[in-house]
């Protein structure tokens, strides 16, 4: 067993146990569509989508459905829906990447990047290593982090295992990612990273004013105020912080709640105690970007701390995250139990 395989095996033992009453999940390959559909009782849960660099600069889980079949991810730019925001074309589905590795931006890269003069990296899907149906379905995939829009050298080799579970009122996604440094890798302390989902308009926080956001290259993105009809989102952290104030705070989990049609929806991201810099910082925005970033201390602490995480050539690191999608209103106690199970 090689070093990366040992890391994955160890990480899998740390993903926790699951409750009874779970449903059978099937993983259906659609090679011509460049995806693997994750299906619960014949109905869509999500898809592992790897369309290639002409469409996306990384593979993602997209779209993602609630237990009652409502879309919880934004459709634009791949499948636009009325009333959606059309900012940040790199915010697609559920993804994992980072803004600055050895000076290359893997976060903001898209077919219409915000700064054409910046240096961008691509996370190139390289294969489906294994997949298994069941009440705890498993999918293991590989990718390379490549500089210069995929034309340069490979810096990181990624192996990711997804675990999918489902019950009548809940869906769980566990993502275990091993990054192995092919070259020395410097993760500059920056804002945009690392594990994120871009949610449907209904789960955004109501807009109170137009906003402008500036990235590490000084590029400004304007996010206008929109009609708030049907927009019901609110954040609550494991530390009891709510609303837009959760941005830059730390916590073991973050809960985004709202209503889509008649369904109460909760999306929870959970950190793991074995992760770098636990508990993570939250890069959770009111306009629908729901992200955590353990490596970006400087902006979140207003310069009081700075990390600049590094991997030497041949070294590996594991990142473990859980996503829980619930139809209903889970309590803090419920979420702490889920986080405790994941931590064990």
Protein backbone atom coordinates (compact mmCIF):
# COMPACT_ATOMS: atom_id res chain seq x y z
CA UNK A 1 0.00 0.00 0.00
CA UNK A 2 1.54 3.35 -1.06
CA UNK A 3 1.59 6.57 0.99
CA UNK A 4 -1.53 8.10 -0.61
CA UNK A 5 -3.49 4.85 -0.23
CA UNK A 6 -2.61 4.72 3.47
CA UNK A 7 -3.80 8.32 3.91
CA UNK A 8 -7.10 7.55 2.21
CA UNK A 9 -7.64 4.39 4.27
CA UNK A 10 -6.94 6.28 7.49
CA UNK A 11 -9.29 9.11 6.45
CA UNK A 12 -12.09 6.67 5.66
CA UNK A 13 -11.90 5.28 9.18
CA UNK A 14 -12.53 8.82 10.46
CA UNK A 15 -15.74 9.52 8.57
CA UNK A 16 -18.09 8.33 11.26
CA UNK A 17 -21.09 6.01 11.32
CA UNK A 18 -24.56 6.39 9.91
CA UNK A 19 -28.11 5.90 11.13
CA UNK A 20 -30.45 3.12 10.08
CA UNK A 21 -33.25 3.55 7.56
CA UNK A 22 -31.00 4.53 4.73
CA UNK A 23 -31.86 4.22 1.09
CA UNK A 24 -30.03 2.41 -1.68
CA UNK A 25 -27.89 4.75 -3.79
CA UNK A 26 -26.83 3.94 -7.34
CA UNK A 27 -23.92 5.52 -9.21
CA UNK A 28 -24.71 5.57 -12.93
CA UNK A 29 -21.93 6.37 -15.39
CA UNK A 30 -22.87 8.65 -18.30
CA UNK A 31 -19.56 8.75 -20.16
CA UNK A 32 -20.85 10.69 -23.16
CA UNK A 33 -22.17 13.40 -20.83
CA UNK A 34 -18.96 13.33 -18.74
CA UNK A 35 -20.72 12.63 -15.48
CA UNK A 36 -21.71 10.02 -12.94
CA UNK A 37 -25.26 10.40 -11.67
CA UNK A 38 -25.95 9.73 -7.99
CA UNK A 39 -29.48 8.35 -7.78
CA UNK A 40 -31.69 7.64 -4.74
CA UNK A 41 -34.75 5.44 -5.33
CA UNK A 42 -34.56 6.33 -9.01
CA UNK A 43 -34.52 10.07 -8.30
CA UNK A 44 -31.53 12.43 -8.75
CA UNK A 45 -29.40 13.39 -5.78
CA UNK A 46 -26.41 14.92 -7.59
CA UNK A 47 -23.85 14.21 -10.32
CA UNK A 48 -20.09 14.11 -10.37
CA UNK A 49 -19.60 16.36 -13.41
CA UNK A 50 -16.30 16.57 -15.28
CA UNK A 51 -17.10 18.29 -18.60
CA UNK A 52 -13.53 19.30 -19.46
CA UNK A 53 -11.63 22.56 -19.47
CA UNK A 54 -13.62 24.12 -22.30
CA UNK A 55 -16.62 24.20 -19.93
CA UNK A 56 -15.26 24.15 -16.35
CA UNK A 57 -11.75 24.41 -14.93
CA UNK A 58 -12.46 21.74 -12.29
CA UNK A 59 -14.82 18.83 -11.70
CA UNK A 60 -17.82 19.55 -9.44
CA UNK A 61 -20.88 17.98 -7.88
CA UNK A 62 -23.70 19.57 -9.88
CA UNK A 63 -26.62 19.97 -9.62
CA UNK A 64 -27.60 18.98 -6.07
CA UNK A 65 -31.18 18.23 -5.01
CA UNK A 66 -32.92 18.37 -1.64
CA UNK A 67 -34.68 15.27 -0.23
CA UNK A 68 -37.96 16.57 -1.74
CA UNK A 69 -36.38 17.11 -5.15
CA UNK A 70 -35.78 20.86 -5.10
CA UNK A 71 -32.60 22.25 -6.63
CA UNK A 72 -30.39 23.72 -3.92
CA UNK A 73 -27.55 24.81 -6.25
CA UNK A 74 -27.59 27.82 -8.56
CA UNK A 75 -28.17 27.00 -12.22
CA UNK A 76 -26.17 29.80 -13.90
CA UNK A 77 -23.96 29.66 -15.91
CA UNK A 78 -24.64 26.06 -17.01
CA UNK A 79 -28.43 25.98 -16.72
CA UNK A 80 -29.77 29.48 -15.95
CA UNK A 81 -33.02 29.91 -14.06
CA UNK A 82 -35.18 33.07 -13.88
CA UNK A 83 -34.24 35.59 -11.21
CA UNK A 84 -30.75 34.22 -10.52
CA UNK A 85 -27.66 36.28 -10.03
CA UNK A 86 -25.17 36.14 -12.90
CA UNK A 87 -21.95 36.96 -11.04
CA UNK A 88 -18.84 34.80 -10.46
CA UNK A 89 -19.09 32.25 -13.32
CA UNK A 90 -16.58 30.02 -11.49
CA UNK A 91 -19.14 29.38 -8.69
CA UNK A 92 -20.68 26.11 -9.93
CA UNK A 93 -22.19 23.38 -7.75
CA UNK A 94 -20.06 22.02 -4.92
CA UNK A 95 -16.30 22.22 -5.39
CA UNK A 96 -12.83 22.22 -3.80
CA UNK A 97 -9.95 24.46 -4.91
CA UNK A 98 -7.84 27.45 -3.85
CA UNK A 99 -7.05 30.96 -5.02
CA UNK A 100 -3.24 30.91 -4.89
CA UNK A 101 -0.95 27.89 -5.19
CA UNK A 102 2.56 28.91 -6.26
CA UNK A 103 1.11 32.12 -7.67
CA UNK A 104 -1.57 30.43 -9.80
CA UNK A 105 -5.27 31.03 -9.16
CA UNK A 106 -7.37 27.84 -9.21
CA UNK A 107 -10.46 29.47 -7.65
CA UNK A 108 -11.36 32.30 -10.05
CA UNK A 109 -10.53 30.48 -13.26
CA UNK A 110 -13.34 30.18 -15.82
CA UNK A 111 -13.89 30.85 -19.51
CA UNK A 112 -14.40 34.50 -18.55
CA UNK A 113 -11.84 35.05 -15.74
CA UNK A 114 -12.07 38.35 -13.82
CA UNK A 115 -8.49 39.40 -14.63
CA UNK A 116 -7.15 38.21 -18.01
CA UNK A 117 -3.65 39.21 -16.94
CA UNK A 118 -3.61 36.95 -13.86
CA UNK A 119 -2.01 33.49 -13.80
CA UNK A 120 -4.61 30.72 -13.63
CA UNK A 121 -4.44 27.04 -12.85
CA UNK A 122 -6.70 24.17 -13.88
CA UNK A 123 -7.75 21.09 -11.89
CA UNK A 124 -7.85 18.43 -14.58
CA UNK A 125 -9.99 15.34 -13.99
CA UNK A 126 -7.82 12.30 -14.74
CA UNK A 127 -9.98 9.32 -13.96
CA UNK A 128 -12.62 7.33 -12.10
CA UNK A 129 -10.66 5.06 -9.79
CA UNK A 130 -13.59 3.13 -8.32
CA UNK A 131 -17.30 3.34 -7.61
CA UNK A 132 -19.67 1.28 -5.51
CA UNK A 133 -23.44 1.35 -5.07
CA UNK A 134 -25.07 0.78 -1.69
CA UNK A 135 -26.57 2.45 1.33
CA UNK A 136 -23.20 4.13 1.66
CA UNK A 137 -22.19 4.63 -1.96
CA UNK A 138 -18.54 5.39 -2.72
CA UNK A 139 -16.86 7.17 -5.62
CA UNK A 140 -13.09 7.68 -5.89
CA UNK A 141 -11.72 10.03 -8.54
CA UNK A 142 -8.33 11.53 -9.44
CA UNK A 143 -7.22 14.93 -10.73
CA UNK A 144 -4.09 16.99 -11.38
CA UNK A 145 -3.58 20.63 -10.37
CA UNK A 146 -1.82 22.10 -13.41
CA UNK A 147 -0.40 25.60 -13.83
CA UNK A 148 -0.88 28.02 -16.75
CA UNK A 149 -4.47 27.03 -17.65
CA UNK A 150 -3.49 23.39 -17.89
CA UNK A 151 -0.53 24.03 -20.18
CA UNK A 152 2.16 24.20 -17.50
CA UNK A 153 3.58 21.83 -14.93
CA UNK A 154 1.61 19.63 -12.55
CA UNK A 155 1.98 20.77 -8.94
CA UNK A 156 -0.52 18.63 -7.01
CA UNK A 157 -1.94 15.17 -7.51
CA UNK A 158 -5.44 14.81 -6.06
CA UNK A 159 -7.28 11.68 -4.99
CA UNK A 160 -10.83 12.28 -3.73
CA UNK A 161 -13.33 9.83 -2.32
CA UNK A 162 -16.99 10.82 -2.00
CA UNK A 163 -19.40 8.96 0.27
CA UNK A 164 -23.13 9.39 -0.38
CA UNK A 165 -25.91 8.43 2.06
CA UNK A 166 -29.62 9.19 2.05
CA UNK A 167 -32.75 8.80 4.14
CA UNK A 168 -36.28 10.13 3.69
CA UNK A 169 -35.44 13.59 5.00
CA UNK A 170 -31.68 13.83 4.69
CA UNK A 171 -28.80 13.59 2.24
CA UNK A 172 -25.13 13.41 3.30
CA UNK A 173 -22.00 13.92 1.21
CA UNK A 174 -18.59 13.22 2.74
CA UNK A 175 -15.58 14.38 0.73
CA UNK A 176 -12.12 13.03 1.61
CA UNK A 177 -9.41 14.69 -0.50
CA UNK A 178 -5.72 13.80 -0.50
CA UNK A 179 -3.36 16.32 -2.10
CA UNK A 180 0.16 15.07 -2.86
CA UNK A 181 2.79 17.63 -3.83
CA UNK A 182 4.47 16.75 -7.13
CA UNK A 183 6.46 19.98 -6.73
CA UNK A 184 6.92 22.17 -3.66
CA UNK A 185 3.49 23.79 -3.16
CA UNK A 186 2.93 27.11 -1.39
CA UNK A 187 -0.69 27.94 -0.53
CA UNK A 188 -0.50 31.71 -0.10
CA UNK A 189 -2.69 33.06 2.70
CA UNK A 190 -5.64 34.45 0.68
CA UNK A 191 -9.41 34.84 0.99
CA UNK A 192 -10.89 32.65 -1.74
CA UNK A 193 -11.00 28.97 -0.86
CA UNK A 194 -11.43 26.13 -0.26
CA UNK A 195 -14.56 23.97 -0.03
CA UNK A 196 -17.70 25.69 -1.31
CA UNK A 197 -21.21 25.52 -2.68
CA UNK A 198 -23.10 28.18 -4.65
CA UNK A 199 -26.72 27.93 -3.61
CA UNK A 200 -30.06 28.61 -5.28
CA UNK A 201 -31.49 32.14 -5.13
CA UNK A 202 -34.11 31.14 -2.53
CA UNK A 203 -31.34 30.24 -0.06
CA UNK A 204 -29.48 33.53 -0.35
CA UNK A 205 -29.89 36.10 2.41
CA UNK A 206 -32.29 38.90 1.42
CA UNK A 207 -30.44 41.73 -0.33
CA UNK A 208 -30.36 44.97 1.60
CA UNK A 209 -28.01 46.85 -0.74
CA UNK A 210 -25.74 46.43 -3.73
CA UNK A 211 -22.25 45.16 -2.84
CA UNK A 212 -18.77 45.20 -4.36
CA UNK A 213 -16.21 42.47 -3.67
CA UNK A 214 -12.49 42.74 -4.45
CA UNK A 215 -10.29 39.69 -5.07
CA UNK A 216 -6.57 39.29 -4.37
CA UNK A 217 -5.71 40.83 -7.76
CA UNK A 218 -7.70 43.98 -7.03
CA UNK A 219 -10.51 43.00 -9.42
CA UNK A 220 -13.90 44.29 -8.26
CA UNK A 221 -17.12 42.32 -8.80
CA UNK A 222 -20.38 44.24 -8.36
CA UNK A 223 -23.27 42.27 -6.86
CA UNK A 224 -26.49 44.24 -7.30
CA UNK A 225 -29.48 44.26 -5.00
CA UNK A 226 -32.23 42.09 -6.44
CA UNK A 227 -35.92 41.44 -5.79
CA UNK A 228 -36.17 39.60 -2.47
CA UNK A 229 -39.43 37.75 -3.19
CA UNK A 230 -38.96 34.12 -2.14
CA UNK A 231 -35.44 34.77 -0.75
CA UNK A 232 -35.35 33.30 2.76
CA UNK A 233 -31.78 32.27 3.62
CA UNK A 234 -30.04 32.69 6.96
CA UNK A 235 -26.74 31.43 8.36
CA UNK A 236 -26.17 30.11 11.86
CA UNK A 237 -22.78 28.90 13.07
CA UNK A 238 -21.88 26.31 15.68
CA UNK A 239 -20.89 29.28 17.87
CA UNK A 240 -24.35 30.88 17.63
CA UNK A 241 -23.44 33.67 15.18
CA UNK A 242 -26.17 34.43 12.62
CA UNK A 243 -26.73 36.22 9.31
CA UNK A 244 -24.01 37.91 7.28
CA UNK A 245 -21.97 38.36 10.48
CA UNK A 246 -20.77 34.76 10.19
CA UNK A 247 -18.22 35.81 7.55
CA UNK A 248 -14.64 35.49 8.90
CA UNK A 249 -15.74 33.72 12.12
CA UNK A 250 -14.58 30.23 13.07
CA UNK A 251 -16.66 27.18 13.91
CA UNK A 252 -16.96 23.42 13.51
CA UNK A 253 -20.08 23.74 11.38
CA UNK A 254 -22.26 26.29 9.59
CA UNK A 255 -25.97 25.90 8.85
CA UNK A 256 -27.69 27.69 5.98
CA UNK A 257 -31.46 27.52 6.24
CA UNK A 258 -34.28 28.71 4.00
CA UNK A 259 -37.42 27.69 2.19
CA UNK A 260 -37.81 26.48 -1.40
CA UNK A 261 -41.49 26.32 -2.27
CA UNK A 262 -43.09 24.54 0.67
CA UNK A 263 -39.91 22.74 1.74
CA UNK A 264 -37.81 23.89 4.69
CA UNK A 265 -34.20 23.29 3.65
CA UNK A 266 -31.03 23.14 5.73
CA UNK A 267 -27.52 22.87 4.25
CA UNK A 268 -24.74 22.25 6.75
CA UNK A 269 -20.99 22.20 6.07
CA UNK A 270 -19.01 20.38 8.77
CA UNK A 271 -15.27 20.62 9.42
CA UNK A 272 -13.19 17.74 10.80
CA UNK A 273 -10.80 17.95 13.80
CA UNK A 274 -8.02 16.28 11.79
CA UNK A 275 -8.09 19.05 9.16
CA UNK A 276 -5.48 21.78 8.91
CA UNK A 277 -6.27 24.79 11.13
CA UNK A 278 -9.46 23.37 12.70
CA UNK A 279 -11.97 24.88 13.31
CA UNK A 280 -12.10 26.54 9.93
CA UNK A 281 -12.76 30.15 8.98
CA UNK A 282 -16.07 30.74 7.19
CA UNK A 283 -16.11 32.52 3.83
CA UNK A 284 -19.92 32.57 3.80
CA UNK A 285 -21.52 35.42 1.84
CA UNK A 286 -25.10 36.66 1.77
CA UNK A 287 -25.32 36.47 -2.05
CA UNK A 288 -25.18 32.65 -2.14
CA UNK A 289 -21.50 31.71 -1.82
CA UNK A 290 -21.26 29.29 1.11
CA UNK A 291 -17.60 28.41 1.67
CA UNK A 292 -15.03 27.50 4.29
CA UNK A 293 -11.34 28.37 4.09
CA UNK A 294 -8.88 26.97 6.65
CA UNK A 295 -5.84 28.47 4.90
CA UNK A 296 -6.83 32.16 4.69
CA UNK A 297 -6.13 33.58 8.13
CA UNK A 298 -4.83 37.03 7.16
CA UNK A 299 -7.99 38.54 5.69
CA UNK A 300 -10.26 36.90 8.27
CA UNK A 301 -8.21 38.19 11.23
CA UNK A 302 -7.53 41.63 9.71
CA UNK A 303 -3.83 40.86 9.55
CA UNK A 304 -3.40 39.55 13.09
CA UNK A 305 -2.48 36.04 11.84
CA UNK A 306 -1.00 34.62 8.65
CA UNK A 307 -0.64 30.95 7.68
CA UNK A 308 0.94 30.45 4.19
CA UNK A 309 0.60 26.66 4.29
CA UNK A 310 3.28 24.66 2.48
CA UNK A 311 3.81 21.13 1.20
CA UNK A 312 7.26 19.96 0.22
CA UNK A 313 7.65 17.75 -2.84
CA UNK A 314 6.40 14.26 -1.97
CA UNK A 315 4.38 15.36 1.06
CA UNK A 316 0.61 14.84 1.31
CA UNK A 317 -2.26 16.40 3.22
CA UNK A 318 -5.84 15.20 3.78
CA UNK A 319 -8.92 17.44 3.86
CA UNK A 320 -12.17 15.93 5.18
CA UNK A 321 -15.56 17.65 4.90
CA UNK A 322 -19.20 16.67 5.39
CA UNK A 323 -22.27 18.23 3.75
CA UNK A 324 -25.68 17.52 5.26
CA UNK A 325 -28.86 18.50 3.37
CA UNK A 326 -32.03 18.18 5.43
CA UNK A 327 -35.69 18.62 4.63
CA UNK A 328 -36.82 20.23 7.87
CA UNK A 329 -35.29 22.30 10.65
CA UNK A 330 -32.46 20.48 12.44
CA UNK A 331 -31.51 21.90 15.83
CA UNK A 332 -28.03 22.81 17.04
CA UNK A 333 -28.12 19.58 19.05
CA UNK A 334 -28.88 17.58 15.91
CA UNK A 335 -25.98 19.21 14.07
CA UNK A 336 -23.56 18.72 16.94
CA UNK A 337 -24.41 15.01 16.89
CA UNK A 338 -23.69 14.85 13.15
CA UNK A 339 -20.41 16.69 13.66
CA UNK A 340 -19.49 14.40 16.56
CA UNK A 341 -20.18 11.32 14.44
CA UNK A 342 -18.02 12.71 11.63
CA UNK A 343 -15.23 13.55 14.06
CA UNK A 344 -15.15 9.96 15.40
